[in-house]
Amino acid sequence: MRTDWSKRWPDAGKLENKDANGVAHYPGWSLPLLKYLYEDRKTTACGHETTDTDPGIATTKQDYSLETYLLSTNHYQIELLTNLDQVPESGAIVVVSFPKPKGGSGFPARVFAILP
């Protein structure tokens, strides 16, 4: 999901985008879209520029239900992607490679796109 949110890096305050009440405001996925991608389109993985699958307003309330759904489908996600503005909306092949240590929950990924 391209939002250009990664352009706020490395300023943590701009990434969290908290209001006066401490509520984070950053983009995230929606459950209907995730269900469409994983159940109807048989997507392997999703990626986004933010730190979470869930939008900031949800994570402020400790609501990680979208990430929980996604991971319960036995698929994976890639967080903190950058340079998505250099990838066309369609036609590119995205390659994701990362080791998964035995018993580990995740690991830094190497992601690159092969452009048409």
N, C-alpha and C. Protein backbone atom coordinates (compact mmCIF):
# COMPACT_ATOMS: atom_id res chain seq x y z
N MET A 1 0.85 -1.17 0.00
CA MET A 1 0.00 0.00 0.00
C MET A 1 0.90 1.23 0.00
N ARG A 2 0.80 1.99 -1.04
CA ARG A 2 1.58 3.22 -1.15
C ARG A 2 0.79 4.39 -0.58
N THR A 3 1.37 5.06 0.38
CA THR A 3 0.77 6.25 0.98
C THR A 3 1.74 7.42 1.01
N ASP A 4 2.99 7.18 0.68
CA ASP A 4 4.10 8.13 0.79
C ASP A 4 4.40 8.49 2.25
N TRP A 5 3.87 7.70 3.19
CA TRP A 5 4.12 7.94 4.61
C TRP A 5 5.60 7.78 4.93
N SER A 6 6.30 6.96 4.17
CA SER A 6 7.73 6.72 4.42
C SER A 6 8.56 7.98 4.26
N LYS A 7 8.05 8.96 3.56
CA LYS A 7 8.79 10.21 3.37
C LYS A 7 8.89 11.01 4.67
N ARG A 8 8.16 10.60 5.69
CA ARG A 8 8.23 11.26 7.00
C ARG A 8 9.44 10.78 7.80
N TRP A 9 10.06 9.68 7.37
CA TRP A 9 11.24 9.14 8.02
C TRP A 9 12.40 10.11 7.86
N PRO A 10 13.23 10.28 8.87
CA PRO A 10 13.36 9.53 10.12
C PRO A 10 12.71 10.21 11.33
N ASP A 11 11.81 11.12 11.11
CA ASP A 11 11.17 11.85 12.21
C ASP A 11 10.05 10.99 12.83
N ALA A 12 10.32 10.41 14.00
CA ALA A 12 9.36 9.52 14.66
C ALA A 12 8.04 10.24 14.95
N GLY A 13 8.12 11.52 15.31
CA GLY A 13 6.91 12.29 15.59
C GLY A 13 6.02 12.41 14.36
N LYS A 14 6.63 12.65 13.21
CA LYS A 14 5.86 12.74 11.97
C LYS A 14 5.29 11.39 11.57
N LEU A 15 6.01 10.31 11.86
CA LEU A 15 5.51 8.97 11.55
C LEU A 15 4.28 8.64 12.39
N GLU A 16 4.33 8.95 13.69
CA GLU A 16 3.20 8.66 14.57
C GLU A 16 2.05 9.61 14.34
N ASN A 17 2.37 10.87 14.08
CA ASN A 17 1.37 11.90 13.78
C ASN A 17 0.28 11.96 14.85
N LYS A 18 0.72 12.12 16.11
CA LYS A 18 -0.23 12.14 17.23
C LYS A 18 -0.88 13.51 17.37
N ASP A 19 -2.16 13.48 17.73
CA ASP A 19 -2.87 14.73 17.99
C ASP A 19 -2.65 15.16 19.44
N ALA A 20 -3.30 16.23 19.86
CA ALA A 20 -3.12 16.78 21.21
C ALA A 20 -3.51 15.79 22.30
N ASN A 21 -4.36 14.81 21.97
CA ASN A 21 -4.78 13.80 22.95
C ASN A 21 -3.92 12.55 22.92
N GLY A 22 -2.86 12.56 22.11
CA GLY A 22 -1.96 11.41 22.03
C GLY A 22 -2.44 10.30 21.11
N VAL A 23 -3.46 10.58 20.31
CA VAL A 23 -3.98 9.58 19.37
C VAL A 23 -3.18 9.65 18.07
N ALA A 24 -2.62 8.52 17.66
CA ALA A 24 -1.85 8.46 16.43
C ALA A 24 -2.78 8.48 15.22
N HIS A 25 -2.35 9.18 14.19
CA HIS A 25 -3.12 9.25 12.95
C HIS A 25 -2.18 8.92 11.80
N TYR A 26 -2.22 7.66 11.38
CA TYR A 26 -1.49 7.24 10.19
C TYR A 26 -2.34 6.18 9.48
N PRO A 27 -2.12 6.03 8.18
CA PRO A 27 -2.98 5.13 7.40
C PRO A 27 -2.78 3.67 7.75
N GLY A 28 -3.82 2.90 7.47
CA GLY A 28 -3.77 1.46 7.66
C GLY A 28 -4.76 0.80 6.71
N TRP A 29 -4.80 -0.50 6.77
CA TRP A 29 -5.69 -1.28 5.93
C TRP A 29 -7.10 -1.31 6.52
N SER A 30 -8.05 -1.87 5.79
CA SER A 30 -9.39 -2.11 6.31
C SER A 30 -9.65 -3.62 6.22
N LEU A 31 -10.53 -4.12 7.07
CA LEU A 31 -10.83 -5.55 7.06
C LEU A 31 -11.48 -5.99 5.73
N PRO A 32 -12.43 -5.24 5.20
CA PRO A 32 -13.00 -5.68 3.91
C PRO A 32 -11.93 -5.79 2.80
N LEU A 33 -10.99 -4.87 2.79
CA LEU A 33 -9.95 -4.93 1.76
C LEU A 33 -9.02 -6.12 1.99
N LEU A 34 -8.62 -6.35 3.22
CA LEU A 34 -7.75 -7.50 3.51
C LEU A 34 -8.45 -8.81 3.16
N LYS A 35 -9.73 -8.92 3.49
CA LYS A 35 -10.47 -10.14 3.14
C LYS A 35 -10.54 -10.31 1.62
N TYR A 36 -10.77 -9.22 0.93
CA TYR A 36 -10.80 -9.29 -0.54
C TYR A 36 -9.45 -9.77 -1.07
N LEU A 37 -8.38 -9.17 -0.60
CA LEU A 37 -7.05 -9.53 -1.09
C LEU A 37 -6.69 -10.99 -0.79
N TYR A 38 -6.93 -11.42 0.44
CA TYR A 38 -6.49 -12.76 0.85
C TYR A 38 -7.48 -13.86 0.51
N GLU A 39 -8.76 -13.59 0.62
CA GLU A 39 -9.76 -14.64 0.39
C GLU A 39 -10.21 -14.71 -1.07
N ASP A 40 -10.41 -13.57 -1.70
CA ASP A 40 -10.89 -13.56 -3.08
C ASP A 40 -9.76 -13.58 -4.10
N ARG A 41 -8.75 -12.74 -3.88
CA ARG A 41 -7.66 -12.62 -4.85
C ARG A 41 -6.49 -13.55 -4.57
N LYS A 42 -6.52 -14.23 -3.43
CA LYS A 42 -5.47 -15.21 -3.06
C LYS A 42 -4.08 -14.57 -3.02
N THR A 43 -4.03 -13.37 -2.47
CA THR A 43 -2.77 -12.64 -2.31
C THR A 43 -1.85 -13.39 -1.36
N THR A 44 -0.55 -13.36 -1.64
CA THR A 44 0.44 -14.04 -0.80
C THR A 44 0.84 -13.18 0.40
N ALA A 45 1.02 -11.90 0.16
CA ALA A 45 1.49 -11.00 1.22
C ALA A 45 1.07 -9.58 0.90
N CYS A 46 1.11 -8.73 1.91
CA CYS A 46 0.88 -7.31 1.67
C CYS A 46 2.02 -6.53 2.30
N GLY A 47 2.17 -5.34 1.85
CA GLY A 47 3.20 -4.47 2.40
C GLY A 47 2.69 -3.05 2.51
N HIS A 48 3.30 -2.30 3.41
CA HIS A 48 2.89 -0.92 3.61
C HIS A 48 4.05 -0.12 4.17
N GLU A 49 3.92 1.20 4.13
CA GLU A 49 4.99 2.09 4.56
C GLU A 49 4.96 2.39 6.05
N THR A 50 3.85 2.15 6.70
CA THR A 50 3.73 2.45 8.12
C THR A 50 4.25 1.29 8.96
N THR A 51 4.23 1.47 10.28
CA THR A 51 4.73 0.44 11.19
C THR A 51 3.71 -0.64 11.49
N ASP A 52 2.45 -0.43 11.11
CA ASP A 52 1.40 -1.37 11.46
C ASP A 52 0.42 -1.57 10.32
N THR A 53 -0.23 -2.73 10.32
CA THR A 53 -1.32 -3.01 9.39
C THR A 53 -2.53 -2.17 9.76
N ASP A 54 -2.77 -2.06 11.07
CA ASP A 54 -3.91 -1.29 11.58
C ASP A 54 -3.59 0.20 11.53
N PRO A 55 -4.58 1.04 11.29
CA PRO A 55 -4.35 2.49 11.30
C PRO A 55 -4.00 2.99 12.70
N GLY A 56 -3.35 4.12 12.75
CA GLY A 56 -2.90 4.67 14.03
C GLY A 56 -3.99 4.86 15.06
N ILE A 57 -5.16 5.26 14.62
CA ILE A 57 -6.26 5.48 15.56
C ILE A 57 -6.63 4.18 16.28
N ALA A 58 -6.47 3.03 15.61
CA ALA A 58 -6.74 1.72 16.23
C ALA A 58 -5.60 1.30 17.14
N THR A 59 -4.36 1.46 16.68
CA THR A 59 -3.23 1.01 17.49
C THR A 59 -3.09 1.81 18.78
N THR A 60 -3.55 3.05 18.76
CA THR A 60 -3.54 3.86 19.98
C THR A 60 -4.39 3.19 21.06
N LYS A 61 -5.43 2.49 20.63
CA LYS A 61 -6.33 1.78 21.57
C LYS A 61 -5.90 0.32 21.75
N GLN A 62 -4.68 0.00 21.30
CA GLN A 62 -4.15 -1.37 21.38
C GLN A 62 -5.01 -2.34 20.56
N ASP A 63 -5.62 -1.84 19.51
CA ASP A 63 -6.44 -2.67 18.62
C ASP A 63 -5.60 -3.07 17.42
N TYR A 64 -5.16 -4.32 17.41
CA TYR A 64 -4.37 -4.86 16.31
C TYR A 64 -5.16 -5.96 15.60
N SER A 65 -6.46 -5.78 15.49
CA SER A 65 -7.32 -6.81 14.93
C SER A 65 -7.04 -7.09 13.45
N LEU A 66 -6.64 -6.08 12.70
CA LEU A 66 -6.35 -6.31 11.28
C LEU A 66 -5.07 -7.13 11.11
N GLU A 67 -4.06 -6.80 11.89
CA GLU A 67 -2.82 -7.60 11.85
C GLU A 67 -3.10 -9.02 12.33
N THR A 68 -3.91 -9.16 13.36
CA THR A 68 -4.27 -10.48 13.86
C THR A 68 -4.98 -11.28 12.78
N TYR A 69 -5.91 -10.65 12.08
CA TYR A 69 -6.60 -11.33 10.97
C TYR A 69 -5.59 -11.77 9.92
N LEU A 70 -4.77 -10.84 9.47
CA LEU A 70 -3.83 -11.12 8.40
C LEU A 70 -2.92 -12.29 8.78
N LEU A 71 -2.33 -12.25 9.95
CA LEU A 71 -1.41 -13.31 10.36
C LEU A 71 -2.14 -14.63 10.59
N SER A 72 -3.43 -14.57 10.93
CA SER A 72 -4.19 -15.81 11.14
C SER A 72 -4.46 -16.53 9.82
N THR A 73 -4.27 -15.85 8.70
CA THR A 73 -4.48 -16.47 7.39
C THR A 73 -3.24 -17.22 6.92
N ASN A 74 -2.21 -17.25 7.76
CA ASN A 74 -0.94 -17.91 7.45
C ASN A 74 -0.23 -17.23 6.27
N HIS A 75 -0.37 -15.91 6.22
CA HIS A 75 0.34 -15.10 5.25
C HIS A 75 1.25 -14.14 6.02
N TYR A 76 1.99 -13.35 5.29
CA TYR A 76 2.88 -12.42 5.96
C TYR A 76 2.68 -11.01 5.44
N GLN A 77 3.29 -10.08 6.15
CA GLN A 77 3.23 -8.68 5.77
C GLN A 77 4.63 -8.10 5.83
N ILE A 78 4.84 -7.03 5.11
CA ILE A 78 6.11 -6.34 5.12
C ILE A 78 5.82 -4.90 5.52
N GLU A 79 6.44 -4.48 6.61
CA GLU A 79 6.21 -3.14 7.14
C GLU A 79 7.40 -2.22 6.82
N LEU A 80 7.15 -0.94 6.88
CA LEU A 80 8.16 0.09 6.70
C LEU A 80 8.82 0.06 5.32
N LEU A 81 8.02 -0.18 4.29
CA LEU A 81 8.53 -0.12 2.93
C LEU A 81 8.81 1.33 2.53
N THR A 82 9.75 1.51 1.63
CA THR A 82 10.08 2.85 1.13
C THR A 82 10.16 2.81 -0.39
N ASN A 83 10.20 3.97 -0.99
CA ASN A 83 10.39 4.14 -2.43
C ASN A 83 9.27 3.52 -3.28
N LEU A 84 8.09 3.37 -2.70
CA LEU A 84 6.99 2.81 -3.48
C LEU A 84 6.54 3.75 -4.60
N ASP A 85 6.91 5.03 -4.49
CA ASP A 85 6.59 5.98 -5.54
C ASP A 85 7.37 5.68 -6.82
N GLN A 86 8.38 4.82 -6.74
CA GLN A 86 9.18 4.46 -7.90
C GLN A 86 8.69 3.17 -8.57
N VAL A 87 7.64 2.57 -8.02
CA VAL A 87 7.09 1.32 -8.55
C VAL A 87 5.75 1.62 -9.22
N PRO A 88 5.56 1.17 -10.46
CA PRO A 88 4.28 1.43 -11.13
C PRO A 88 3.12 0.69 -10.44
N GLU A 89 1.91 1.19 -10.65
CA GLU A 89 0.72 0.59 -10.03
C GLU A 89 0.51 -0.86 -10.47
N SER A 90 0.94 -1.21 -11.65
CA SER A 90 0.82 -2.59 -12.11
C SER A 90 1.99 -2.91 -13.02
N GLY A 91 2.26 -4.20 -13.14
CA GLY A 91 3.27 -4.65 -14.09
C GLY A 91 4.62 -4.98 -13.49
N ALA A 92 4.90 -4.53 -12.29
CA ALA A 92 6.20 -4.82 -11.67
C ALA A 92 6.14 -6.17 -10.97
N ILE A 93 7.28 -6.81 -10.86
CA ILE A 93 7.41 -8.03 -10.07
C ILE A 93 8.13 -7.64 -8.79
N VAL A 94 7.50 -7.94 -7.65
CA VAL A 94 8.10 -7.60 -6.36
C VAL A 94 8.71 -8.86 -5.77
N VAL A 95 9.98 -8.75 -5.41
CA VAL A 95 10.71 -9.87 -4.84
C VAL A 95 10.96 -9.59 -3.37
N VAL A 96 10.62 -10.55 -2.52
CA VAL A 96 10.81 -10.41 -1.07
C VAL A 96 11.66 -11.58 -0.61
N SER A 97 12.72 -11.26 0.11
CA SER A 97 13.60 -12.30 0.61
C SER A 97 13.99 -11.98 2.04
N PHE A 98 13.89 -12.95 2.91
CA PHE A 98 14.32 -12.77 4.28
C PHE A 98 14.49 -14.11 4.95
N PRO A 99 15.47 -14.19 5.84
CA PRO A 99 15.62 -15.42 6.60
C PRO A 99 14.62 -15.44 7.76
N LYS A 100 14.22 -16.60 8.19
CA LYS A 100 13.37 -16.71 9.37
C LYS A 100 14.07 -17.67 10.33
N PRO A 101 14.67 -17.11 11.37
CA PRO A 101 15.34 -17.97 12.34
C PRO A 101 14.37 -18.95 12.98
N LYS A 102 14.83 -20.15 13.26
CA LYS A 102 13.97 -21.16 13.89
C LYS A 102 13.34 -20.59 15.15
N GLY A 103 12.01 -20.64 15.22
CA GLY A 103 11.28 -20.13 16.37
C GLY A 103 11.09 -18.62 16.37
N GLY A 104 11.61 -17.94 15.35
CA GLY A 104 11.48 -16.48 15.29
C GLY A 104 10.15 -16.05 14.72
N SER A 105 9.74 -14.84 15.04
CA SER A 105 8.46 -14.34 14.56
C SER A 105 8.59 -13.53 13.28
N GLY A 106 9.77 -13.10 12.97
CA GLY A 106 9.97 -12.29 11.78
C GLY A 106 11.40 -11.85 11.69
N PHE A 107 11.72 -11.09 10.66
CA PHE A 107 13.10 -10.69 10.44
C PHE A 107 13.10 -9.56 9.42
N PRO A 108 14.13 -8.73 9.38
CA PRO A 108 14.18 -7.69 8.35
C PRO A 108 14.14 -8.31 6.95
N ALA A 109 13.42 -7.66 6.06
CA ALA A 109 13.26 -8.16 4.70
C ALA A 109 14.08 -7.33 3.72
N ARG A 110 14.48 -7.96 2.65
CA ARG A 110 15.06 -7.28 1.50
C ARG A 110 13.99 -7.34 0.43
N VAL A 111 13.52 -6.18 -0.01
CA VAL A 111 12.43 -6.10 -0.98
C VAL A 111 12.89 -5.24 -2.14
N PHE A 112 12.67 -5.75 -3.35
CA PHE A 112 12.98 -4.93 -4.53
C PHE A 112 11.97 -5.26 -5.63
N ALA A 113 11.84 -4.34 -6.55
CA ALA A 113 10.90 -4.51 -7.65
C ALA A 113 11.65 -4.59 -8.96
N ILE A 114 11.20 -5.47 -9.82
CA ILE A 114 11.69 -5.55 -11.18
C ILE A 114 10.65 -4.86 -12.04
N LEU A 115 11.07 -3.78 -12.68
CA LEU A 115 10.11 -2.96 -13.42
C LEU A 115 9.96 -3.45 -14.85
N PRO A 116 8.75 -3.26 -15.42
CA PRO A 116 8.51 -3.72 -16.79
C PRO A 116 9.31 -2.91 -17.81
